[in-house]
Every structure is written in C-alpha cells, then in structure tokens.
Amino acid sequence: MIRTILYSTAALAALIATSALAEDSAGVPFKGVKLVYDHPLPNVPGKSMRGVLVEYEPGGISPAHLHPKSAFIYATVLEGAIKSQVNDEPVITYRAGESWSEYPGDRHSVSQNASATEPARLLAVFVVDTDETELVIPYDE
C-alpha cells in the first residue's frame, strides 16, 4: 500500500512538472493534469493501469513528448476537441467521445485544444510498468 502511494505521488509530481513545462514552452497553460486512477493489474504482474485527466484552456497546448517504453496509452476526448499527431501520421482532430491509442516509443508531437474559445478535456489511460515514475518525457522535434 505504501509503495502504491509513493508511486502515485511520484507520477503526479511528474505530471505537474510536465504541466509547468507546457506553460513555459508554449505560453498557453494546461488547465490541469491530474492522476485520477492508479492500480496494479492483478493478472499482469509488474504492470499497472493509470488514468490521467488532462484539461486544456482554450488554445492550450502541450509540448512534444514521449511516454515510457513500457507504456501503452488509450486516450478519449471527454469534452471539446483535441488535435493530436502521433509519429509521422497526419494531425487528427478528435471530438468528445472519440479516442486513439499510442504504442510504446511513439512520439506525440502535437497535443492541443482545437478551439481558441472553448475548453477541452481528455482521459489518458496508461498500461505501464508499475515502478515507472515518469509518464511524460519532453523531447525536441
């Protein structure tokens, strides 16, 4: 139990640091990044499922980033619309109810609110090594 709390705290700290990085590098902040679920998978030793709620202000953008080599991500737009580009694929706008996946090692070069006037929210569900503490790794394009 203490180990889970420590990992959750470390993951949340990494996400908060990433939120600050997004504000500094893009000039338009996230409204918030919050770890909302963290649970080891009982049938897959060494793996956990983590849910991350990402809220964008109108015009909000996050810097280009990677995720850990162990991470598989399934993202769903909950509100508004999100522009996303993974690897060299085209930029796609996802609307509320739509989703996409990111595989281990994928580069997420575009992640931004598609609207300059309305907020947007997405839920990213990670399947990741339980001992992973850094969920978002910035990179220069």
C-alpha atoms as a PDB file:
ATOM      1  CA  MET A   1       0.000   0.000   0.000  1.00  0.00           C
ATOM      2  CA  ILE A   2       2.779   2.468   0.893  1.00  0.00           C
ATOM      3  CA  ARG A   3       4.595   1.539  -2.313  1.00  0.00           C
ATOM      4  CA  THR A   4       1.466   2.337  -4.349  1.00  0.00           C
ATOM      5  CA  ILE A   5       1.116   5.706  -2.603  1.00  0.00           C
ATOM      6  CA  LEU A   6       4.768   6.523  -3.291  1.00  0.00           C
ATOM      7  CA  TYR A   7       4.434   5.612  -6.982  1.00  0.00           C
ATOM      8  CA  SER A   8       1.213   7.594  -7.267  1.00  0.00           C
ATOM      9  CA  THR A   9       2.841  10.620  -5.667  1.00  0.00           C
ATOM     10  CA  ALA A  10       5.877  10.369  -7.957  1.00  0.00           C
ATOM     11  CA  ALA A  11       3.677  10.018 -11.042  1.00  0.00           C
ATOM     12  CA  LEU A  12       1.585  13.008 -10.019  1.00  0.00           C
ATOM     13  CA  ALA A  13       4.723  15.082  -9.405  1.00  0.00           C
ATOM     14  CA  ALA A  14       5.980  14.207 -12.901  1.00  0.00           C
ATOM     15  CA  LEU A  15       2.652  15.229 -14.395  1.00  0.00           C
ATOM     16  CA  ILE A  16       2.618  18.518 -12.510  1.00  0.00           C
ATOM     17  CA  ALA A  17       6.168  19.230 -13.703  1.00  0.00           C
ATOM     18  CA  THR A  18       5.046  18.484 -17.264  1.00  0.00           C
ATOM     19  CA  SER A  19       2.138  20.889 -16.841  1.00  0.00           C
ATOM     20  CA  ALA A  20       4.557  23.642 -15.791  1.00  0.00           C
ATOM     21  CA  LEU A  21       6.800  22.805 -18.762  1.00  0.00           C
ATOM     22  CA  ALA A  22       3.831  23.131 -21.100  1.00  0.00           C
ATOM     23  CA  GLU A  23       3.071  26.601 -19.779  1.00  0.00           C
ATOM     24  CA  ASP A  24       6.686  27.719 -20.074  1.00  0.00           C
ATOM     25  CA  SER A  25       7.333  26.328 -23.561  1.00  0.00           C
ATOM     26  CA  ALA A  26       4.025  27.073 -25.249  1.00  0.00           C
ATOM     27  CA  GLY A  27       2.857  30.178 -23.428  1.00  0.00           C
ATOM     28  CA  VAL A  28      -0.652  28.717 -23.083  1.00  0.00           C
ATOM     29  CA  PRO A  29      -1.077  26.534 -19.993  1.00  0.00           C
ATOM     30  CA  PHE A  30      -2.923  23.333 -19.358  1.00  0.00           C
ATOM     31  CA  LYS A  31      -5.852  23.968 -17.098  1.00  0.00           C
ATOM     32  CA  GLY A  32      -4.776  20.888 -15.153  1.00  0.00           C
ATOM     33  CA  VAL A  33      -3.205  17.456 -15.275  1.00  0.00           C
ATOM     34  CA  LYS A  34      -4.418  15.076 -12.619  1.00  0.00           C
ATOM     35  CA  LEU A  35      -3.740  11.432 -11.830  1.00  0.00           C
ATOM     36  CA  VAL A  36      -7.247  10.055 -11.239  1.00  0.00           C
ATOM     37  CA  TYR A  37      -6.574   6.304 -11.093  1.00  0.00           C
ATOM     38  CA  ASP A  38      -3.580   4.134 -10.239  1.00  0.00           C
ATOM     39  CA  HIS A  39      -3.896   0.404  -9.663  1.00  0.00           C
ATOM     40  CA  PRO A  40      -1.592  -2.589 -10.173  1.00  0.00           C
ATOM     41  CA  LEU A  41      -3.054  -5.145 -12.576  1.00  0.00           C
ATOM     42  CA  PRO A  42      -3.622  -8.303 -10.519  1.00  0.00           C
ATOM     43  CA  ASN A  43      -3.393 -10.614 -13.544  1.00  0.00           C
ATOM     44  CA  VAL A  44      -0.306  -8.939 -15.091  1.00  0.00           C
ATOM     45  CA  PRO A  45       2.498  -8.846 -12.510  1.00  0.00           C
ATOM     46  CA  GLY A  46       4.673  -5.741 -12.751  1.00  0.00           C
ATOM     47  CA  LYS A  47       2.104  -3.706 -14.699  1.00  0.00           C
ATOM     48  CA  SER A  48      -0.314  -1.009 -13.530  1.00  0.00           C
ATOM     49  CA  MET A  49      -3.168   0.965 -15.031  1.00  0.00           C
ATOM     50  CA  ARG A  50      -3.072   4.731 -14.519  1.00  0.00           C
ATOM     51  CA  GLY A  51      -5.714   7.212 -15.564  1.00  0.00           C
ATOM     52  CA  VAL A  52      -4.691  10.812 -16.214  1.00  0.00           C
ATOM     53  CA  LEU A  53      -7.209  13.619 -16.722  1.00  0.00           C
ATOM     54  CA  VAL A  54      -5.818  16.414 -18.929  1.00  0.00           C
ATOM     55  CA  GLU A  55      -7.712  19.707 -19.127  1.00  0.00           C
ATOM     56  CA  TYR A  56      -6.808  22.362 -21.694  1.00  0.00           C
ATOM     57  CA  GLU A  57      -7.688  26.032 -21.540  1.00  0.00           C
ATOM     58  CA  PRO A  58      -8.940  27.494 -24.839  1.00  0.00           C
ATOM     59  CA  GLY A  59      -5.935  27.436 -27.163  1.00  0.00           C
ATOM     60  CA  GLY A  60      -3.997  25.244 -24.685  1.00  0.00           C
ATOM     61  CA  ILE A  61      -1.108  23.191 -25.983  1.00  0.00           C
ATOM     62  CA  SER A  62       1.397  20.723 -24.587  1.00  0.00           C
ATOM     63  CA  PRO A  63       4.987  20.348 -25.768  1.00  0.00           C
ATOM     64  CA  ALA A  64       6.100  17.431 -27.924  1.00  0.00           C
ATOM     65  CA  HIS A  65       6.613  14.376 -25.742  1.00  0.00           C
ATOM     66  CA  LEU A  66       7.197  10.654 -25.466  1.00  0.00           C
ATOM     67  CA  HIS A  67       5.914   8.175 -22.928  1.00  0.00           C
ATOM     68  CA  PRO A  68       7.896   5.408 -21.229  1.00  0.00           C
ATOM     69  CA  LYS A  69       8.947   2.459 -23.399  1.00  0.00           C
ATOM     70  CA  SER A  70       6.648   0.277 -21.282  1.00  0.00           C
ATOM     71  CA  ALA A  71       3.554   2.464 -21.795  1.00  0.00           C
ATOM     72  CA  PHE A  72       0.517   1.709 -23.913  1.00  0.00           C
ATOM     73  CA  ILE A  73      -1.934   4.636 -23.857  1.00  0.00           C
ATOM     74  CA  TYR A  74      -5.597   4.834 -24.775  1.00  0.00           C
ATOM     75  CA  ALA A  75      -6.895   8.438 -24.848  1.00  0.00           C
ATOM     76  CA  THR A  76     -10.540   9.529 -25.036  1.00  0.00           C
ATOM     77  CA  VAL A  77     -11.777  13.100 -25.503  1.00  0.00           C
ATOM     78  CA  LEU A  78     -14.338  13.891 -22.819  1.00  0.00           C
ATOM     79  CA  GLU A  79     -15.150  17.485 -23.765  1.00  0.00           C
ATOM     80  CA  GLY A  80     -14.358  19.751 -26.699  1.00  0.00           C
ATOM     81  CA  ALA A  81     -11.889  18.755 -29.398  1.00  0.00           C
ATOM     82  CA  ILE A  82      -8.197  17.834 -29.313  1.00  0.00           C
ATOM     83  CA  LYS A  83      -5.689  17.990 -32.167  1.00  0.00           C
ATOM     84  CA  SER A  84      -3.238  15.126 -31.965  1.00  0.00           C
ATOM     85  CA  GLN A  85      -0.306  13.887 -34.017  1.00  0.00           C
ATOM     86  CA  VAL A  86       1.494  10.650 -33.203  1.00  0.00           C
ATOM     87  CA  ASN A  87       4.742   9.865 -35.022  1.00  0.00           C
ATOM     88  CA  ASP A  88       4.610  10.923 -38.682  1.00  0.00           C
ATOM     89  CA  GLU A  89       0.868  10.379 -39.026  1.00  0.00           C
ATOM     90  CA  PRO A  90      -1.306  13.337 -40.050  1.00  0.00           C
ATOM     91  CA  VAL A  91      -2.691  15.715 -37.408  1.00  0.00           C
ATOM     92  CA  ILE A  92      -6.178  14.487 -36.483  1.00  0.00           C
ATOM     93  CA  THR A  93      -8.866  16.384 -34.589  1.00  0.00           C
ATOM     94  CA  TYR A  94     -10.726  14.163 -32.123  1.00  0.00           C
ATOM     95  CA  ARG A  95     -14.050  15.290 -30.694  1.00  0.00           C
ATOM     96  CA  ALA A  96     -15.852  14.320 -27.480  1.00  0.00           C
ATOM     97  CA  GLY A  97     -16.371  10.547 -27.438  1.00  0.00           C
ATOM     98  CA  GLU A  98     -13.575   9.790 -29.921  1.00  0.00           C
ATOM     99  CA  SER A  99     -10.307   8.117 -28.982  1.00  0.00           C
ATOM    100  CA  TRP A 100      -6.872   6.972 -30.158  1.00  0.00           C
ATOM    101  CA  SER A 101      -4.020   4.769 -28.990  1.00  0.00           C
ATOM    102  CA  GLU A 102      -0.310   5.371 -28.526  1.00  0.00           C
ATOM    103  CA  TYR A 103       2.157   2.493 -28.511  1.00  0.00           C
ATOM    104  CA  PRO A 104       5.407   2.168 -26.551  1.00  0.00           C
ATOM    105  CA  GLY A 105       8.020   4.511 -28.017  1.00  0.00           C
ATOM    106  CA  ASP A 106       5.565   6.629 -30.036  1.00  0.00           C
ATOM    107  CA  ARG A 107       6.324  10.348 -30.369  1.00  0.00           C
ATOM    108  CA  HIS A 108       3.392  12.659 -29.613  1.00  0.00           C
ATOM    109  CA  SER A 109       4.390  15.826 -31.473  1.00  0.00           C
ATOM    110  CA  VAL A 110       1.011  17.630 -31.395  1.00  0.00           C
ATOM    111  CA  SER A 111      -1.419  17.667 -28.472  1.00  0.00           C
ATOM    112  CA  GLN A 112      -3.557  20.771 -28.228  1.00  0.00           C
ATOM    113  CA  ASN A 113      -7.031  22.136 -27.772  1.00  0.00           C
ATOM    114  CA  ALA A 114      -8.571  22.541 -31.228  1.00  0.00           C
ATOM    115  CA  SER A 115     -10.564  25.566 -30.047  1.00  0.00           C
ATOM    116  CA  ALA A 116      -9.341  29.043 -29.169  1.00  0.00           C
ATOM    117  CA  THR A 117     -12.588  29.774 -27.279  1.00  0.00           C
ATOM    118  CA  GLU A 118     -13.768  26.525 -25.591  1.00  0.00           C
ATOM    119  CA  PRO A 119     -12.019  24.284 -23.041  1.00  0.00           C
ATOM    120  CA  ALA A 120     -11.200  20.641 -23.771  1.00  0.00           C
ATOM    121  CA  ARG A 121     -10.628  17.557 -21.589  1.00  0.00           C
ATOM    122  CA  LEU A 122      -9.262  14.104 -22.260  1.00  0.00           C
ATOM    123  CA  LEU A 123      -8.698  10.966 -20.230  1.00  0.00           C
ATOM    124  CA  ALA A 124      -5.473   9.087 -20.964  1.00  0.00           C
ATOM    125  CA  VAL A 125      -5.341   5.527 -19.639  1.00  0.00           C
ATOM    126  CA  PHE A 126      -1.820   4.113 -19.330  1.00  0.00           C
ATOM    127  CA  VAL A 127      -0.821   0.475 -19.013  1.00  0.00           C
ATOM    128  CA  VAL A 128       2.724   0.846 -17.745  1.00  0.00           C
ATOM    129  CA  ASP A 129       5.394  -0.826 -15.642  1.00  0.00           C
ATOM    130  CA  THR A 130       4.333  -0.449 -12.007  1.00  0.00           C
ATOM    131  CA  ASP A 131       7.683   1.020 -10.996  1.00  0.00           C
ATOM    132  CA  GLU A 132       7.587   3.698 -13.724  1.00  0.00           C
ATOM    133  CA  THR A 133       7.596   7.171 -12.193  1.00  0.00           C
ATOM    134  CA  GLU A 134       7.827   9.411 -15.277  1.00  0.00           C
ATOM    135  CA  LEU A 135       4.780   9.200 -17.562  1.00  0.00           C
ATOM    136  CA  VAL A 136       5.632  12.123 -19.863  1.00  0.00           C
ATOM    137  CA  ILE A 137       9.077  12.767 -21.333  1.00  0.00           C
ATOM    138  CA  PRO A 138       9.514  16.050 -23.281  1.00  0.00           C
ATOM    139  CA  TYR A 139      11.588  15.988 -26.468  1.00  0.00           C
ATOM    140  CA  ASP A 140      12.668  18.468 -29.097  1.00  0.00           C
ATOM    141  CA  GLU A 141      11.324  17.862 -32.573  1.00  0.00           C
END
